[in-house]
Protein backbone atom coordinates (compact mmCIF):
# COMPACT_ATOMS: atom_id res chain seq x y z
CA ARG A 1 103.29 135.85 118.67
CA ALA A 2 99.71 136.90 118.05
CA THR A 3 97.12 135.25 120.03
CA GLU A 4 93.71 134.43 118.96
CA ARG A 5 90.89 136.87 120.50
CA SER A 6 88.01 135.77 118.43
CA SER A 7 86.96 132.96 116.30
CA VAL A 8 87.92 134.64 112.89
CA GLU A 9 90.84 136.79 114.01
CA PRO A 10 94.24 135.65 112.23
CA GLY A 11 96.74 134.54 114.64
CA GLN A 12 97.61 131.09 116.46
CA ASN A 13 95.40 128.31 115.60
CA LYS A 14 95.52 126.28 118.95
CA GLY A 15 94.08 123.07 117.66
CA PHE A 16 96.66 122.66 114.82
CA GLY A 17 99.53 124.36 116.28
CA MET A 18 100.33 127.02 113.70
CA THR A 19 100.02 131.07 113.52
CA ILE A 20 98.78 132.52 110.21
CA GLU A 21 98.72 135.92 109.05
CA ASN A 22 97.37 137.90 106.08
CA ILE A 23 99.90 137.89 102.96
CA THR A 24 101.68 141.43 102.92
CA ALA A 25 103.22 143.09 100.24
CA GLU A 26 106.67 142.49 101.94
CA MET A 27 105.74 138.78 102.32
CA THR A 28 104.91 138.88 98.61
CA ARG A 29 108.43 140.17 97.99
CA GLN A 30 110.22 137.93 100.40
CA LEU A 31 108.51 134.95 99.43
CA ARG A 32 108.84 135.87 95.58
CA LEU A 33 105.04 135.26 95.15
CA GLN A 34 103.04 136.61 92.25
CA ASP A 35 100.80 139.43 93.06
CA SER A 36 97.71 137.37 92.29
CA VAL A 37 98.61 134.81 95.19
CA ARG A 38 96.06 135.08 98.00
CA GLY A 39 95.51 132.95 101.02
CA ALA A 40 97.03 132.96 104.63
CA VAL A 41 100.77 132.69 105.34
CA ILE A 42 101.98 130.42 108.07
CA THR A 43 104.46 132.39 110.20
CA ASP A 44 105.25 129.93 113.08
CA ILE A 45 104.63 126.12 113.80
CA ASP A 46 104.65 124.97 117.20
CA GLN A 47 106.95 122.15 117.89
CA GLY A 48 105.35 118.71 117.97
CA SER A 49 102.12 120.18 116.97
CA PRO A 50 99.66 118.63 114.20
CA ALA A 51 101.03 120.93 111.73
CA ALA A 52 104.61 120.23 112.52
CA ARG A 53 103.93 116.45 112.17
CA GLN A 54 102.46 116.95 108.82
CA GLY A 55 105.37 118.79 107.56
CA LEU A 56 103.74 122.41 107.30
CA ARG A 57 106.45 125.11 107.54
CA PRO A 58 106.75 128.69 108.12
CA GLY A 59 106.16 130.59 104.69
CA ASP A 60 103.57 128.09 103.29
CA ILE A 61 100.64 129.59 101.86
CA ILE A 62 97.33 128.18 102.61
CA TYR A 63 94.84 128.88 99.80
CA ARG A 64 92.15 126.19 100.23
CA VAL A 65 90.81 124.57 103.51
CA GLY A 66 88.71 121.63 102.29
CA SER A 67 86.68 122.57 99.33
CA VAL A 68 86.60 126.32 100.46
CA PRO A 69 89.05 128.78 98.90
CA VAL A 70 90.52 131.17 101.32
CA THR A 71 92.06 134.62 100.36
CA SER A 72 92.89 135.75 103.95
CA ALA A 73 94.05 134.74 107.30
CA VAL A 74 90.74 135.46 108.42
CA GLU A 75 88.93 133.35 106.22
CA ALA A 76 91.53 130.19 106.76
CA GLN A 77 90.95 130.78 110.50
CA ARG A 78 87.29 130.74 110.16
CA GLU A 79 87.45 127.34 108.10
CA LEU A 80 89.91 125.92 110.40
CA ASN A 81 87.73 126.69 113.59
CA ARG A 82 84.94 124.82 111.98
CA VAL A 83 86.91 121.60 112.18
CA PRO A 84 85.91 119.88 115.45
CA ALA A 85 88.58 118.50 117.70
CA GLY A 86 89.98 115.05 116.43
CA GLY A 87 88.80 116.20 113.14
CA THR A 88 90.97 116.61 110.12
CA ALA A 89 91.37 119.61 107.48
CA LEU A 90 92.61 119.00 104.02
CA LEU A 91 94.85 122.14 103.32
CA ARG A 92 95.95 123.17 99.86
CA ILE A 93 99.18 125.14 100.16
CA ILE A 94 101.91 126.78 97.96
CA ARG A 95 105.33 126.02 99.08
CA ARG A 96 108.43 128.01 97.44
CA ASP A 97 110.68 125.51 95.72
CA GLN A 98 113.64 126.57 93.96
CA THR A 99 113.94 123.09 92.19
CA SER A 100 110.61 123.17 90.78
CA SER A 101 110.30 124.68 87.20
CA LYS A 102 107.52 126.96 88.37
CA GLY A 103 109.30 127.95 91.64
CA TYR A 104 106.76 126.57 93.87
CA GLN A 105 104.94 123.09 94.85
CA GLU A 106 101.37 122.80 95.18
CA LEU A 107 100.64 120.40 98.11
CA PHE A 108 97.73 118.75 99.88
CA LEU A 109 98.07 117.88 103.40
CA THR A 110 95.70 116.60 105.92
CA VAL A 111 96.18 117.69 109.50
CA THR A 112 94.29 116.48 112.35
CA LYS A 113 92.99 119.08 115.10
CA ASN A 114 93.84 118.25 118.56
């Protein structure tokens, strides 16, 4: 599991309880994403964390934090780090969904930072 060494490094976001990484070409294939999809992929969720309580899952792609579009894990981490303890972040995510005609769902989730 990656650990956070600086405020903008991809890895574990301790306040939200999730680990995020850049989307790689391999992930694009595994998740069956279009090549144009940009953002940060959630690779791990801590049990009982704010992210887990709100239903975030490994494989979810964060592409917007609040009103700010994010195209990488560094950008997502930077925006998440701006949220103070006890504050909330509105995350716009893409989740694979075989039952959807588009093959994915677009979700809006509010997560409170510990």
